[in-house]
Amino acid sequence: MIDGPVMGVHPGLRGAWIKETPGGHTARCVRPEHPACVHGTFVAGILAARRTTAAPAICPDCTLCVHAVFTDDVGDGRTPAATPAHLATGILACTAAGARVINISAALYQPIPEHERRLVDALDHAARREVIVVVAAGNDQSIGSTALTGHPWVIPVAAYDQVGRLMGRSNLGRSIGHRGIGGPGDRVTSLGPEGGLLVQSGTSVAAPFVTGTIALLWSLFPDASATDVRLAVTASGPRRTLVPPLLDAAAAFQVMNGGR
């Protein structure tokens, strides 16, 4: 998970397998009420919170590597942002730590060409190592791609509401529509500051649902290739729309299970 720091002492994360990767900010929350900690803990909760909590996680027994790339609320106040260089460092660190899937619920800022080249190189490295990278598409209501969402190995994630409609503020684009997927992003409950719960919306919320689904599938089918898992989750086929389909975890399982 490349995000903000996580409040590991949250009751919902008791017993979770969380480890910090080198090269980033501290992965432990110093100020639980800070936006960076709130965001990181919320995303970690979707992935790794205990199933007995009021906000059970998708893959609570998976090991969660945390690489903190921001410590304050940068950007538009909805999706925290990080530099391409910081994201590149995080991708390399998580890959070196043995991660098989990486969740990035952050947008890009400071699009300096040489820094973006470093990010592309890190994503190329993840592809060679068969480490799947899942990225929030962003919440700016814009059309287009970044060096992050436009990379052919990345799975960009748009947000859908509770009745299965694309949320209007999700970013869209050719790469998002052709290779991405939609995830639940409307009023999702997860872990909040001070040991409580919190409700949030957006693509940052939707991305870990896709990441968690991939983690569960790979846990069930450990010998599957990254390509097999990607195809099952994204239901990849010829697409010419800017809007990705909504994630269907049950259908992905059936594909991985040979249609049975």
C-alpha atoms as a PDB file:
ATOM      1  CA  MET A   1       0.000   0.000   0.000  1.00  0.00           C
ATOM      2  CA  ILE A   2       1.543   3.311  -1.124  1.00  0.00           C
ATOM      3  CA  ASP A   3      -0.392   5.914   0.846  1.00  0.00           C
ATOM      4  CA  GLY A   4      -0.259   7.805   4.131  1.00  0.00           C
ATOM      5  CA  PRO A   5       0.802   6.401   7.503  1.00  0.00           C
ATOM      6  CA  VAL A   6      -1.417   3.868   9.278  1.00  0.00           C
ATOM      7  CA  MET A   7      -2.680   3.868  12.865  1.00  0.00           C
ATOM      8  CA  GLY A   8      -1.537   0.336  13.594  1.00  0.00           C
ATOM      9  CA  VAL A   9      -2.896   0.493  17.153  1.00  0.00           C
ATOM     10  CA  HIS A  10      -6.450   0.872  15.833  1.00  0.00           C
ATOM     11  CA  PRO A  11      -8.579  -1.917  17.371  1.00  0.00           C
ATOM     12  CA  GLY A  12      -9.732  -2.866  13.884  1.00  0.00           C
ATOM     13  CA  LEU A  13      -6.150  -3.673  12.866  1.00  0.00           C
ATOM     14  CA  ARG A  14      -5.303  -5.741  15.927  1.00  0.00           C
ATOM     15  CA  GLY A  15      -3.432  -8.820  14.727  1.00  0.00           C
ATOM     16  CA  ALA A  16      -3.018  -7.512  11.176  1.00  0.00           C
ATOM     17  CA  TRP A  17       0.206  -8.363   9.335  1.00  0.00           C
ATOM     18  CA  ILE A  18       1.601  -4.875   8.655  1.00  0.00           C
ATOM     19  CA  LYS A  19       5.208  -4.033   7.843  1.00  0.00           C
ATOM     20  CA  GLU A  20       6.935  -0.802   6.849  1.00  0.00           C
ATOM     21  CA  THR A  21       9.063  -0.520   3.708  1.00  0.00           C
ATOM     22  CA  PRO A  22      12.236   1.611   3.659  1.00  0.00           C
ATOM     23  CA  GLY A  23      12.633   4.880   1.808  1.00  0.00           C
ATOM     24  CA  GLY A  24       9.371   6.595   2.716  1.00  0.00           C
ATOM     25  CA  HIS A  25       7.980   8.622   5.591  1.00  0.00           C
ATOM     26  CA  THR A  26       7.231   6.788   8.809  1.00  0.00           C
ATOM     27  CA  ALA A  27       4.381   4.342   8.286  1.00  0.00           C
ATOM     28  CA  ARG A  28       3.103   4.822  11.840  1.00  0.00           C
ATOM     29  CA  CYS A  29       0.701   7.638  12.628  1.00  0.00           C
ATOM     30  CA  VAL A  30       2.094  10.341  14.903  1.00  0.00           C
ATOM     31  CA  ARG A  31      -1.070  12.475  14.786  1.00  0.00           C
ATOM     32  CA  PRO A  32      -4.103  10.187  14.324  1.00  0.00           C
ATOM     33  CA  GLU A  33      -6.355  13.123  13.429  1.00  0.00           C
ATOM     34  CA  HIS A  34      -4.065  14.307  10.599  1.00  0.00           C
ATOM     35  CA  PRO A  35      -5.508  13.932   7.044  1.00  0.00           C
ATOM     36  CA  ALA A  36      -2.576  11.779   5.933  1.00  0.00           C
ATOM     37  CA  CYS A  37      -3.090   9.347   8.808  1.00  0.00           C
ATOM     38  CA  VAL A  38      -6.863   9.362   8.329  1.00  0.00           C
ATOM     39  CA  HIS A  39      -6.497   8.492   4.653  1.00  0.00           C
ATOM     40  CA  GLY A  40      -3.853   5.810   5.145  1.00  0.00           C
ATOM     41  CA  THR A  41      -5.743   4.154   8.000  1.00  0.00           C
ATOM     42  CA  PHE A  42      -9.005   4.210   6.041  1.00  0.00           C
ATOM     43  CA  VAL A  43      -7.457   2.469   3.018  1.00  0.00           C
ATOM     44  CA  ALA A  44      -5.593  -0.006   5.236  1.00  0.00           C
ATOM     45  CA  GLY A  45      -8.882  -0.822   6.935  1.00  0.00           C
ATOM     46  CA  ILE A  46     -10.536  -1.793   3.654  1.00  0.00           C
ATOM     47  CA  LEU A  47      -7.644  -4.137   2.959  1.00  0.00           C
ATOM     48  CA  ALA A  48      -6.649  -5.553   6.339  1.00  0.00           C
ATOM     49  CA  ALA A  49      -9.130  -4.829   9.166  1.00  0.00           C
ATOM     50  CA  ARG A  50     -10.369  -7.773  11.211  1.00  0.00           C
ATOM     51  CA  ARG A  51     -13.501  -9.468   9.893  1.00  0.00           C
ATOM     52  CA  THR A  52     -15.145  -9.159  13.318  1.00  0.00           C
ATOM     53  CA  THR A  53     -15.125  -5.343  13.226  1.00  0.00           C
ATOM     54  CA  ALA A  54     -18.024  -3.148  12.125  1.00  0.00           C
ATOM     55  CA  ALA A  55     -16.028  -2.475   8.927  1.00  0.00           C
ATOM     56  CA  PRO A  56     -14.568  -5.870   7.950  1.00  0.00           C
ATOM     57  CA  ALA A  57     -11.727  -5.984   5.423  1.00  0.00           C
ATOM     58  CA  ILE A  58     -11.492  -7.812   2.133  1.00  0.00           C
ATOM     59  CA  CYS A  59      -8.232  -9.691   2.787  1.00  0.00           C
ATOM     60  CA  PRO A  60      -7.488  -9.435   6.540  1.00  0.00           C
ATOM     61  CA  ASP A  61      -4.946 -12.265   6.596  1.00  0.00           C
ATOM     62  CA  CYS A  62      -2.810 -10.831   3.787  1.00  0.00           C
ATOM     63  CA  THR A  63       0.490  -9.162   4.667  1.00  0.00           C
ATOM     64  CA  LEU A  64       0.220  -5.386   4.185  1.00  0.00           C
ATOM     65  CA  CYS A  65       3.422  -3.532   3.260  1.00  0.00           C
ATOM     66  CA  VAL A  66       2.980   0.187   3.973  1.00  0.00           C
ATOM     67  CA  HIS A  67       5.060   2.795   2.154  1.00  0.00           C
ATOM     68  CA  ALA A  68       4.065   6.311   3.248  1.00  0.00           C
ATOM     69  CA  VAL A  69       4.557   8.903   0.493  1.00  0.00           C
ATOM     70  CA  PHE A  70       2.775  11.863   2.062  1.00  0.00           C
ATOM     71  CA  THR A  71       2.404  13.271   5.513  1.00  0.00           C
ATOM     72  CA  ASP A  72       0.021  16.156   4.902  1.00  0.00           C
ATOM     73  CA  ASP A  73      -3.070  16.930   2.873  1.00  0.00           C
ATOM     74  CA  VAL A  74      -1.693  18.014  -0.500  1.00  0.00           C
ATOM     75  CA  GLY A  75      -3.804  18.754  -3.543  1.00  0.00           C
ATOM     76  CA  ASP A  76      -7.564  19.118  -3.831  1.00  0.00           C
ATOM     77  CA  GLY A  77      -8.458  17.799  -0.369  1.00  0.00           C
ATOM     78  CA  ARG A  78     -10.164  14.714  -1.798  1.00  0.00           C
ATOM     79  CA  THR A  79      -7.349  12.599  -3.213  1.00  0.00           C
ATOM     80  CA  PRO A  80      -3.945  13.045  -1.544  1.00  0.00           C
ATOM     81  CA  ALA A  81      -1.137  13.679  -4.024  1.00  0.00           C
ATOM     82  CA  ALA A  82       2.467  12.533  -4.272  1.00  0.00           C
ATOM     83  CA  THR A  83       5.373  13.298  -6.572  1.00  0.00           C
ATOM     84  CA  PRO A  84       6.311  10.846  -9.326  1.00  0.00           C
ATOM     85  CA  ALA A  85       9.693  10.353  -7.647  1.00  0.00           C
ATOM     86  CA  HIS A  86       8.100   9.403  -4.320  1.00  0.00           C
ATOM     87  CA  LEU A  87       5.719   6.995  -6.018  1.00  0.00           C
ATOM     88  CA  ALA A  88       8.580   5.431  -7.972  1.00  0.00           C
ATOM     89  CA  THR A  89      10.515   4.878  -4.740  1.00  0.00           C
ATOM     90  CA  GLY A  90       7.423   3.322  -3.173  1.00  0.00           C
ATOM     91  CA  ILE A  91       6.820   0.950  -6.073  1.00  0.00           C
ATOM     92  CA  LEU A  92      10.430  -0.242  -6.011  1.00  0.00           C
ATOM     93  CA  ALA A  93      10.391  -0.622  -2.211  1.00  0.00           C
ATOM     94  CA  CYS A  94       7.145  -2.609  -2.169  1.00  0.00           C
ATOM     95  CA  THR A  95       8.356  -4.818  -5.006  1.00  0.00           C
ATOM     96  CA  ALA A  96      11.617  -5.485  -3.166  1.00  0.00           C
ATOM     97  CA  ALA A  97       9.622  -6.329  -0.017  1.00  0.00           C
ATOM     98  CA  GLY A  98       7.855  -9.115  -1.897  1.00  0.00           C
ATOM     99  CA  ALA A  99       4.496  -7.475  -2.575  1.00  0.00           C
ATOM    100  CA  ARG A 100       2.491  -9.106  -5.355  1.00  0.00           C
ATOM    101  CA  VAL A 101      -0.073  -6.333  -5.720  1.00  0.00           C
ATOM    102  CA  ILE A 102       0.338  -2.612  -4.967  1.00  0.00           C
ATOM    103  CA  ASN A 103      -2.476  -0.192  -4.119  1.00  0.00           C
ATOM    104  CA  ILE A 104      -1.945   3.511  -4.895  1.00  0.00           C
ATOM    105  CA  SER A 105      -4.829   5.716  -3.740  1.00  0.00           C
ATOM    106  CA  ALA A 106      -3.034   8.970  -4.558  1.00  0.00           C
ATOM    107  CA  ALA A 107      -2.893  11.425  -7.434  1.00  0.00           C
ATOM    108  CA  LEU A 108       0.203  12.856  -9.115  1.00  0.00           C
ATOM    109  CA  TYR A 109       1.501  16.370  -8.700  1.00  0.00           C
ATOM    110  CA  GLN A 110       4.683  18.103  -9.898  1.00  0.00           C
ATOM    111  CA  PRO A 111       4.672  16.384 -13.319  1.00  0.00           C
ATOM    112  CA  ILE A 112       8.394  16.967 -14.029  1.00  0.00           C
ATOM    113  CA  PRO A 113       9.407  14.947 -17.139  1.00  0.00           C
ATOM    114  CA  GLU A 114      12.534  13.359 -15.663  1.00  0.00           C
ATOM    115  CA  HIS A 115      10.634  12.399 -12.503  1.00  0.00           C
ATOM    116  CA  GLU A 116       7.847  10.877 -14.598  1.00  0.00           C
ATOM    117  CA  ARG A 117      10.483   8.870 -16.457  1.00  0.00           C
ATOM    118  CA  ARG A 118      11.596   7.445 -13.133  1.00  0.00           C
ATOM    119  CA  LEU A 119       7.977   6.513 -12.345  1.00  0.00           C
ATOM    120  CA  VAL A 120       7.542   4.787 -15.698  1.00  0.00           C
ATOM    121  CA  ASP A 121      10.777   2.864 -15.132  1.00  0.00           C
ATOM    122  CA  ALA A 122       9.494   1.716 -11.707  1.00  0.00           C
ATOM    123  CA  LEU A 123       6.205   0.572 -13.245  1.00  0.00           C
ATOM    124  CA  ASP A 124       8.128  -1.273 -15.966  1.00  0.00           C
ATOM    125  CA  HIS A 125      10.117  -2.993 -13.209  1.00  0.00           C
ATOM    126  CA  ALA A 126       6.889  -4.006 -11.432  1.00  0.00           C
ATOM    127  CA  ALA A 127       5.587  -5.452 -14.694  1.00  0.00           C
ATOM    128  CA  ARG A 128       8.746  -7.507 -15.198  1.00  0.00           C
ATOM    129  CA  ARG A 129       8.409  -8.830 -11.653  1.00  0.00           C
ATOM    130  CA  GLU A 130       4.686  -9.560 -12.209  1.00  0.00           C
ATOM    131  CA  VAL A 131       3.622  -7.190  -9.426  1.00  0.00           C
ATOM    132  CA  ILE A 132       0.156  -5.867 -10.245  1.00  0.00           C
ATOM    133  CA  VAL A 133      -0.318  -2.121  -9.662  1.00  0.00           C
ATOM    134  CA  VAL A 134      -3.821  -0.782  -8.884  1.00  0.00           C
ATOM    135  CA  VAL A 135      -4.300   2.993  -8.989  1.00  0.00           C
ATOM    136  CA  ALA A 136      -7.180   5.325  -8.112  1.00  0.00           C
ATOM    137  CA  ALA A 137      -8.263   7.161 -11.270  1.00  0.00           C
ATOM    138  CA  GLY A 138      -8.756  10.457  -9.403  1.00  0.00           C
ATOM    139  CA  ASN A 139     -11.718  12.654  -8.519  1.00  0.00           C
ATOM    140  CA  ASP A 140     -11.269  15.752 -10.694  1.00  0.00           C
ATOM    141  CA  GLN A 141     -14.050  15.058 -13.244  1.00  0.00           C
ATOM    142  CA  SER A 142     -11.387  15.243 -15.943  1.00  0.00           C
ATOM    143  CA  ILE A 143     -10.783  13.315 -19.156  1.00  0.00           C
ATOM    144  CA  GLY A 144      -7.267  12.055 -19.815  1.00  0.00           C
ATOM    145  CA  SER A 145      -4.412  10.066 -18.347  1.00  0.00           C
ATOM    146  CA  THR A 146      -1.281  10.655 -16.308  1.00  0.00           C
ATOM    147  CA  ALA A 147       2.059   8.867 -16.341  1.00  0.00           C
ATOM    148  CA  LEU A 148       0.501   6.701 -13.633  1.00  0.00           C
ATOM    149  CA  THR A 149      -2.970   5.833 -14.961  1.00  0.00           C
ATOM    150  CA  GLY A 150      -1.756   5.708 -18.567  1.00  0.00           C
ATOM    151  CA  HIS A 151       0.889   3.037 -18.033  1.00  0.00           C
ATOM    152  CA  PRO A 152      -0.141  -0.221 -19.784  1.00  0.00           C
ATOM    153  CA  TRP A 153       0.605  -2.363 -16.713  1.00  0.00           C
ATOM    154  CA  VAL A 154      -1.504  -0.280 -14.308  1.00  0.00           C
ATOM    155  CA  ILE A 155      -5.152  -1.061 -13.496  1.00  0.00           C
ATOM    156  CA  PRO A 156      -6.875   2.343 -13.046  1.00  0.00           C
ATOM    157  CA  VAL A 157      -9.993   2.302 -10.860  1.00  0.00           C
ATOM    158  CA  ALA A 158     -13.036   4.567 -11.208  1.00  0.00           C
ATOM    159  CA  ALA A 159     -15.678   4.893  -8.487  1.00  0.00           C
ATOM    160  CA  TYR A 160     -19.254   3.572  -8.699  1.00  0.00           C
ATOM    161  CA  ASP A 161     -22.161   4.474  -6.443  1.00  0.00           C
ATOM    162  CA  GLN A 162     -24.349   2.127  -4.420  1.00  0.00           C
ATOM    163  CA  VAL A 163     -26.773   1.462  -7.275  1.00  0.00           C
ATOM    164  CA  GLY A 164     -24.071   0.587  -9.779  1.00  0.00           C
ATOM    165  CA  ARG A 165     -23.667   3.908 -11.576  1.00  0.00           C
ATOM    166  CA  LEU A 166     -20.388   5.664 -12.307  1.00  0.00           C
ATOM    167  CA  MET A 167     -19.841   8.524  -9.861  1.00  0.00           C
ATOM    168  CA  GLY A 168     -19.747  11.851 -11.661  1.00  0.00           C
ATOM    169  CA  ARG A 169     -16.488  13.110 -10.169  1.00  0.00           C
ATOM    170  CA  SER A 170     -14.391  10.118 -11.279  1.00  0.00           C
ATOM    171  CA  ASN A 171     -11.709  10.853 -13.855  1.00  0.00           C
ATOM    172  CA  LEU A 172     -12.109   9.061 -17.172  1.00  0.00           C
ATOM    173  CA  GLY A 173      -9.938   8.458 -20.197  1.00  0.00           C
ATOM    174  CA  ARG A 174      -8.944   5.972 -22.851  1.00  0.00           C
ATOM    175  CA  SER A 175      -6.583   4.039 -20.581  1.00  0.00           C
ATOM    176  CA  ILE A 176      -9.116   4.041 -17.733  1.00  0.00           C
ATOM    177  CA  GLY A 177     -11.934   2.831 -19.971  1.00  0.00           C
ATOM    178  CA  HIS A 178      -9.905   0.318 -21.975  1.00  0.00           C
ATOM    179  CA  ARG A 179      -7.841  -1.295 -19.205  1.00  0.00           C
ATOM    180  CA  GLY A 180      -9.424  -0.180 -15.942  1.00  0.00           C
ATOM    181  CA  ILE A 181     -12.274  -1.305 -13.743  1.00  0.00           C
ATOM    182  CA  GLY A 182     -14.837   0.318 -11.474  1.00  0.00           C
ATOM    183  CA  GLY A 183     -15.045  -0.271  -7.736  1.00  0.00           C
ATOM    184  CA  PRO A 184     -17.455   0.622  -4.905  1.00  0.00           C
ATOM    185  CA  GLY A 185     -16.683   4.209  -3.971  1.00  0.00           C
ATOM    186  CA  ASP A 186     -19.876   5.650  -2.517  1.00  0.00           C
ATOM    187  CA  ARG A 187     -20.191   6.190   1.256  1.00  0.00           C
ATOM    188  CA  VAL A 188     -17.890   3.337   2.231  1.00  0.00           C
ATOM    189  CA  THR A 189     -17.311   2.690   5.942  1.00  0.00           C
ATOM    190  CA  SER A 190     -13.805   1.864   7.138  1.00  0.00           C
ATOM    191  CA  LEU A 191     -11.448   2.635  10.012  1.00  0.00           C
ATOM    192  CA  GLY A 192     -11.285   6.213  11.223  1.00  0.00           C
ATOM    193  CA  PRO A 193      -9.166   8.275  13.621  1.00  0.00           C
ATOM    194  CA  GLU A 194      -9.042   7.710  17.368  1.00  0.00           C
ATOM    195  CA  GLY A 195     -10.079   4.069  17.013  1.00  0.00           C
ATOM    196  CA  GLY A 196     -13.475   4.793  15.459  1.00  0.00           C
ATOM    197  CA  LEU A 197     -15.083   4.442  12.049  1.00  0.00           C
ATOM    198  CA  LEU A 198     -15.367   6.852   9.125  1.00  0.00           C
ATOM    199  CA  VAL A 199     -17.401   7.127   5.909  1.00  0.00           C
ATOM    200  CA  GLN A 200     -15.694   8.321   2.726  1.00  0.00           C
ATOM    201  CA  SER A 201     -16.284   8.310  -1.035  1.00  0.00           C
ATOM    202  CA  GLY A 202     -14.211   8.509  -4.210  1.00  0.00           C
ATOM    203  CA  THR A 203     -11.707   6.581  -6.278  1.00  0.00           C
ATOM    204  CA  SER A 204      -9.276   6.310  -3.346  1.00  0.00           C
ATOM    205  CA  VAL A 205     -11.961   4.207  -1.672  1.00  0.00           C
ATOM    206  CA  ALA A 206     -12.714   2.168  -4.801  1.00  0.00           C
ATOM    207  CA  ALA A 207      -9.111   1.151  -5.560  1.00  0.00           C
ATOM    208  CA  PRO A 208      -8.527  -1.053  -2.477  1.00  0.00           C
ATOM    209  CA  PHE A 209     -11.652  -3.070  -3.306  1.00  0.00           C
ATOM    210  CA  VAL A 210      -9.944  -4.071  -6.548  1.00  0.00           C
ATOM    211  CA  THR A 211      -6.599  -4.610  -4.800  1.00  0.00           C
ATOM    212  CA  GLY A 212      -8.242  -6.743  -2.127  1.00  0.00           C
ATOM    213  CA  THR A 213     -10.045  -8.833  -4.732  1.00  0.00           C
ATOM    214  CA  ILE A 214      -6.753  -9.494  -6.511  1.00  0.00           C
ATOM    215  CA  ALA A 215      -5.119 -10.475  -3.208  1.00  0.00           C
ATOM    216  CA  LEU A 216      -7.909 -12.915  -2.405  1.00  0.00           C
ATOM    217  CA  LEU A 217      -7.814 -14.483  -5.864  1.00  0.00           C
ATOM    218  CA  TRP A 218      -4.059 -14.934  -5.706  1.00  0.00           C
ATOM    219  CA  SER A 219      -4.427 -16.478  -2.256  1.00  0.00           C
ATOM    220  CA  LEU A 220      -6.859 -19.015  -3.683  1.00  0.00           C
ATOM    221  CA  PHE A 221      -4.882 -19.586  -6.897  1.00  0.00           C
ATOM    222  CA  PRO A 222      -1.237 -18.993  -5.853  1.00  0.00           C
ATOM    223  CA  ASP A 223       0.204 -20.512  -9.025  1.00  0.00           C
ATOM    224  CA  ALA A 224      -1.706 -18.169 -11.345  1.00  0.00           C
ATOM    225  CA  SER A 225       0.255 -15.636 -13.360  1.00  0.00           C
ATOM    226  CA  ALA A 226      -0.202 -11.898 -12.954  1.00  0.00           C
ATOM    227  CA  THR A 227      -1.687 -11.782 -16.442  1.00  0.00           C
ATOM    228  CA  ASP A 228      -4.273 -14.417 -15.541  1.00  0.00           C
ATOM    229  CA  VAL A 229      -5.358 -12.478 -12.457  1.00  0.00           C
ATOM    230  CA  ARG A 230      -5.460  -9.147 -14.305  1.00  0.00           C
ATOM    231  CA  LEU A 231      -7.626 -10.583 -17.076  1.00  0.00           C
ATOM    232  CA  ALA A 232     -10.008 -12.201 -14.603  1.00  0.00           C
ATOM    233  CA  VAL A 233     -10.484  -9.040 -12.532  1.00  0.00           C
ATOM    234  CA  THR A 234     -10.728  -6.504 -15.355  1.00  0.00           C
ATOM    235  CA  ALA A 235     -12.782  -8.736 -17.662  1.00  0.00           C
ATOM    236  CA  SER A 236     -10.441  -7.485 -20.357  1.00  0.00           C
ATOM    237  CA  GLY A 237     -11.610  -7.601 -23.927  1.00  0.00           C
ATOM    238  CA  PRO A 238     -11.925  -5.118 -26.769  1.00  0.00           C
ATOM    239  CA  ARG A 239     -13.266  -1.883 -25.269  1.00  0.00           C
ATOM    240  CA  ARG A 240     -13.833   1.460 -26.932  1.00  0.00           C
ATOM    241  CA  THR A 241     -15.511   3.277 -24.084  1.00  0.00           C
ATOM    242  CA  LEU A 242     -14.058   5.777 -21.633  1.00  0.00           C
ATOM    243  CA  VAL A 243     -16.065   4.171 -18.808  1.00  0.00           C
ATOM    244  CA  PRO A 244     -14.715   0.930 -17.290  1.00  0.00           C
ATOM    245  CA  PRO A 245     -17.102  -1.834 -16.169  1.00  0.00           C
ATOM    246  CA  LEU A 246     -17.899  -2.400 -12.502  1.00  0.00           C
ATOM    247  CA  LEU A 247     -15.834  -5.023 -10.673  1.00  0.00           C
ATOM    248  CA  ASP A 248     -17.501  -8.452 -10.466  1.00  0.00           C
ATOM    249  CA  ALA A 249     -15.492 -10.472  -7.945  1.00  0.00           C
ATOM    250  CA  ALA A 250     -17.687 -13.570  -8.288  1.00  0.00           C
ATOM    251  CA  ALA A 251     -17.217 -13.623 -12.046  1.00  0.00           C
ATOM    252  CA  ALA A 252     -13.458 -13.173 -11.608  1.00  0.00           C
ATOM    253  CA  PHE A 253     -13.416 -16.189  -9.286  1.00  0.00           C
ATOM    254  CA  GLN A 254     -15.308 -18.269 -11.842  1.00  0.00           C
ATOM    255  CA  VAL A 255     -12.789 -17.339 -14.539  1.00  0.00           C
ATOM    256  CA  MET A 256      -9.887 -18.313 -12.267  1.00  0.00           C
ATOM    257  CA  ASN A 257     -11.685 -21.545 -11.342  1.00  0.00           C
ATOM    258  CA  GLY A 258     -12.049 -22.585 -14.953  1.00  0.00           C
ATOM    259  CA  GLY A 259     -15.665 -21.496 -15.280  1.00  0.00           C
ATOM    260  CA  ARG A 260     -16.867 -23.886 -12.566  1.00  0.00           C
END
